[in-house]
Amino acid sequence: MNLILASSSPRRQELLKQVHIPFTIRKPDVDESQITITDPAEKVKQLALRKGRQVPIQNNNEVILAADTIVAFENNIFEKPKSKLDAYQMLQKLSGNTHEVYTGVMLRSTNKELLFTECTTVHFWTLTDEEIDAYLATNDAYDKAGGYGIQSVGAMFVKGINGDYYNVVGLPLSTVVRQLRDFGISH
C-alpha cells in the first residue's frame, strides 16, 4: 500500500519521515472558509474530511491521509494568524492560560474510511510583551495555528501539556501509525 499525504505541511511531512513511513504528496484544493462550524472538534473533523475526499485515489493500492489542526481557547478557534497584530493578540490571550489543540484526521482507501479527532491540552506560562514581540520577530508564528510552534521557538511558552505532543505539532503520530496498520501501511 502507498500512503498519499493530502497536505503540504512541512511538519506533517517531517513527522511521517521520523517514523520511516514513505509517502507521496497530493495537495488538496479546499476552500477552508466554507467551513463555518464554530465547535473546534467538529471543525477540524470536517476540514480533514473535505481534504481527504478532495484528493482522488488513483489505484487500489493507495491510502489518503488528510489532517487539519486548530487551537481553541475558551471555545474560540485560533487558526493561522492573518497579521502580526492577530498573532500578538492570540499569544496575549493564551498567556498564562490553558488551551486545546485539535487535529482532525481522515484515512481513506478504496474500501475503507476512518475519521477521528485528537485533543491535547496545552498550558502556557505568563508571557511578557517583550517575549511576544521577540517571538514574532522570528517569523515562526505565521504559518501555525494559534500563532506558535511547540516544536520550534514557541516551545519556550509551554509550561506543560496533557496529551499527545505530536498532535500539537500537527499530527497525532502514534495514533495515526496504529490506524495506518489497519489500512496495510507500516514502517
Protein backbone atom coordinates (compact mmCIF):
# COMPACT_ATOMS: atom_id res chain seq x y z
CA MET A 1 0.00 0.00 0.00
CA ASN A 2 1.17 3.55 -0.77
CA LEU A 3 0.45 6.49 1.51
CA ILE A 4 -0.70 9.73 -0.10
CA LEU A 5 -0.36 12.76 2.17
CA ALA A 6 -3.12 15.22 1.33
CA SER A 7 -1.18 18.13 2.81
CA SER A 8 1.73 20.42 2.03
CA SER A 9 2.51 20.89 5.74
CA PRO A 10 6.26 20.56 6.28
CA ARG A 11 5.59 19.48 9.88
CA ARG A 12 3.37 16.57 8.84
CA GLN A 13 5.98 15.53 6.28
CA GLU A 14 8.73 15.58 8.90
CA LEU A 15 6.63 13.54 11.34
CA LEU A 16 5.97 10.80 8.78
CA LYS A 17 9.68 10.75 7.85
CA GLN A 18 10.52 10.48 11.56
CA VAL A 19 8.69 7.13 11.76
CA HIS A 20 10.02 5.96 8.35
CA ILE A 21 6.68 5.86 6.55
CA PRO A 22 7.18 6.72 2.86
CA PHE A 23 4.57 8.92 1.24
CA THR A 24 3.73 10.97 -1.81
CA ILE A 25 2.19 14.43 -1.54
CA ARG A 26 -1.03 15.38 -3.31
CA LYS A 27 -2.16 18.75 -2.08
CA PRO A 28 -5.92 19.16 -1.76
CA ASP A 29 -7.62 22.28 -3.06
CA VAL A 30 -10.15 23.06 -0.34
CA ASP A 31 -11.58 26.48 0.48
CA GLU A 32 -11.37 26.31 4.29
CA SER A 33 -13.51 29.45 4.65
CA GLN A 34 -16.50 27.38 3.51
CA ILE A 35 -16.48 25.54 6.86
CA THR A 36 -18.16 27.92 9.28
CA ILE A 37 -18.63 25.46 12.15
CA THR A 38 -17.66 27.05 15.48
CA ASP A 39 -17.15 23.84 17.51
CA PRO A 40 -13.36 23.22 17.30
CA ALA A 41 -13.50 19.39 17.31
CA GLU A 42 -16.22 19.29 14.67
CA LYS A 43 -14.50 21.92 12.51
CA VAL A 44 -11.18 20.01 12.26
CA LYS A 45 -13.10 16.83 11.55
CA GLN A 46 -14.98 18.45 8.68
CA LEU A 47 -11.81 20.07 7.29
CA ALA A 48 -9.95 16.73 7.35
CA LEU A 49 -12.96 15.04 5.73
CA ARG A 50 -13.12 17.59 2.89
CA LYS A 51 -9.36 17.46 2.30
CA GLY A 52 -9.35 13.66 2.34
CA ARG A 53 -12.23 13.33 -0.07
CA GLN A 54 -10.94 16.03 -2.41
CA VAL A 55 -7.74 14.11 -3.21
CA PRO A 56 -8.50 11.30 -5.67
CA ILE A 57 -7.45 7.70 -5.12
CA GLN A 58 -5.71 6.71 -8.35
CA ASN A 59 -5.43 2.96 -7.74
CA ASN A 60 -6.41 0.28 -5.23
CA ASN A 61 -3.01 0.43 -3.52
CA GLU A 62 -3.37 3.99 -2.24
CA VAL A 63 -4.35 5.30 1.18
CA ILE A 64 -5.11 9.00 1.60
CA LEU A 65 -4.07 10.75 4.83
CA ALA A 66 -5.58 14.20 5.40
CA ALA A 67 -5.41 16.30 8.56
CA ASP A 68 -6.18 19.74 9.93
CA THR A 69 -5.07 21.33 13.20
CA ILE A 70 -6.53 24.28 15.12
CA VAL A 71 -6.04 25.87 18.51
CA ALA A 72 -9.03 26.69 20.69
CA PHE A 73 -9.12 28.95 23.73
CA GLU A 74 -12.35 29.25 25.68
CA ASN A 75 -14.04 27.52 22.72
CA ASN A 76 -12.85 30.24 20.31
CA ILE A 77 -10.92 28.93 17.32
CA PHE A 78 -7.42 30.31 16.68
CA GLU A 79 -6.28 29.41 13.19
CA LYS A 80 -3.14 30.70 11.46
CA PRO A 81 -2.72 34.41 12.23
CA LYS A 82 -3.51 36.80 9.40
CA SER A 83 -1.14 39.54 10.61
CA LYS A 84 1.41 40.43 13.27
CA LEU A 85 -1.34 42.06 15.33
CA ASP A 86 -3.51 38.95 15.01
CA ALA A 87 -0.61 36.74 16.19
CA TYR A 88 0.16 39.12 19.05
CA GLN A 89 -3.46 39.11 20.24
CA MET A 90 -3.62 35.31 20.10
CA LEU A 91 -0.46 34.92 22.17
CA GLN A 92 -1.64 37.54 24.64
CA LYS A 93 -4.87 35.57 25.17
CA LEU A 94 -3.02 32.27 25.53
CA SER A 95 -0.56 33.79 28.02
CA GLY A 96 -0.90 32.27 31.49
CA ASN A 97 -3.82 30.14 30.35
CA THR A 98 -4.73 26.66 29.17
CA HIS A 99 -5.92 25.95 25.64
CA GLU A 100 -6.70 22.95 23.45
CA VAL A 101 -5.15 21.82 20.21
CA TYR A 102 -7.41 19.72 17.98
CA THR A 103 -6.34 17.70 14.97
CA GLY A 104 -8.87 16.05 12.70
CA VAL A 105 -7.52 13.09 10.72
CA MET A 106 -9.02 11.22 7.80
CA LEU A 107 -7.70 7.97 6.34
CA ARG A 108 -9.29 6.64 3.16
CA SER A 109 -8.75 3.76 0.77
CA THR A 110 -10.97 2.35 -1.94
CA ASN A 111 -12.83 0.18 0.57
CA LYS A 112 -12.44 1.89 3.93
CA GLU A 113 -12.66 5.31 5.56
CA LEU A 114 -11.75 6.47 9.07
CA LEU A 115 -12.28 9.91 10.58
CA PHE A 116 -11.19 10.89 14.10
CA THR A 117 -10.16 13.86 16.24
CA GLU A 118 -7.36 14.13 18.79
CA CYS A 119 -7.24 16.81 21.50
CA THR A 120 -4.22 17.90 23.54
CA THR A 121 -4.39 20.45 26.37
CA VAL A 122 -1.54 23.00 26.47
CA HIS A 123 -0.62 25.19 29.45
CA PHE A 124 1.25 28.45 28.74
CA TRP A 125 3.49 30.44 31.04
CA THR A 126 2.51 34.06 31.58
CA LEU A 127 4.22 35.94 28.75
CA THR A 128 5.60 39.46 28.77
CA ASP A 129 5.03 41.84 25.87
CA GLU A 130 8.78 41.68 25.23
CA GLU A 131 8.70 37.88 24.94
CA ILE A 132 5.82 38.01 22.49
CA ASP A 133 7.48 40.75 20.41
CA ALA A 134 10.79 38.85 20.30
CA TYR A 135 8.99 35.70 19.20
CA LEU A 136 7.02 37.49 16.49
CA ALA A 137 10.28 38.92 15.14
CA THR A 138 11.40 35.33 14.37
CA ASN A 139 8.53 34.92 11.83
CA ASP A 140 7.82 31.49 13.34
CA ALA A 141 4.22 32.32 14.24
CA TYR A 142 2.58 33.00 10.93
CA ASP A 143 2.10 29.55 9.41
CA LYS A 144 0.92 27.88 12.62
CA ALA A 145 -2.49 27.58 14.23
CA GLY A 146 -2.63 29.66 17.39
CA GLY A 147 0.39 31.68 16.31
CA TYR A 148 3.08 29.46 17.84
CA GLY A 149 5.07 26.32 17.12
CA ILE A 150 5.70 23.97 20.05
CA GLN A 151 8.43 22.25 18.01
CA SER A 152 10.40 25.47 17.50
CA VAL A 153 10.98 28.77 19.31
CA GLY A 154 7.39 28.75 20.63
CA ALA A 155 8.39 25.85 22.92
CA MET A 156 9.57 28.43 25.48
CA PHE A 157 5.93 29.45 26.09
CA VAL A 158 4.74 25.95 27.03
CA LYS A 159 4.58 25.17 30.74
CA GLY A 160 3.15 21.70 30.13
CA ILE A 161 0.81 19.56 28.07
CA ASN A 162 -1.74 16.83 28.66
CA GLY A 163 -1.99 14.50 25.70
CA ASP A 164 -0.04 13.83 22.52
CA TYR A 165 2.85 16.27 21.91
CA TYR A 166 2.87 15.43 18.19
CA ASN A 167 -0.79 16.39 17.97
CA VAL A 168 0.27 19.93 18.87
CA VAL A 169 2.88 19.80 16.10
CA GLY A 170 0.14 18.85 13.63
CA LEU A 171 -0.42 15.09 13.56
CA PRO A 172 -1.22 12.65 16.41
CA LEU A 173 1.60 10.44 15.20
CA SER A 174 1.30 7.30 17.35
CA THR A 175 -2.46 7.06 16.76
CA VAL A 176 -2.03 7.62 13.01
CA VAL A 177 0.69 4.94 12.80
CA ARG A 178 -1.56 2.43 14.57
CA GLN A 179 -4.55 3.28 12.39
CA LEU A 180 -2.45 3.03 9.21
CA ARG A 181 -1.69 -0.61 10.09
CA ASP A 182 -5.40 -1.35 9.58
CA PHE A 183 -5.02 0.07 6.06
CA GLY A 184 -1.98 -2.11 5.31
CA ILE A 185 0.71 0.52 5.87
CA SER A 186 3.52 0.15 8.39
CA HIS A 187 7.02 1.50 8.77
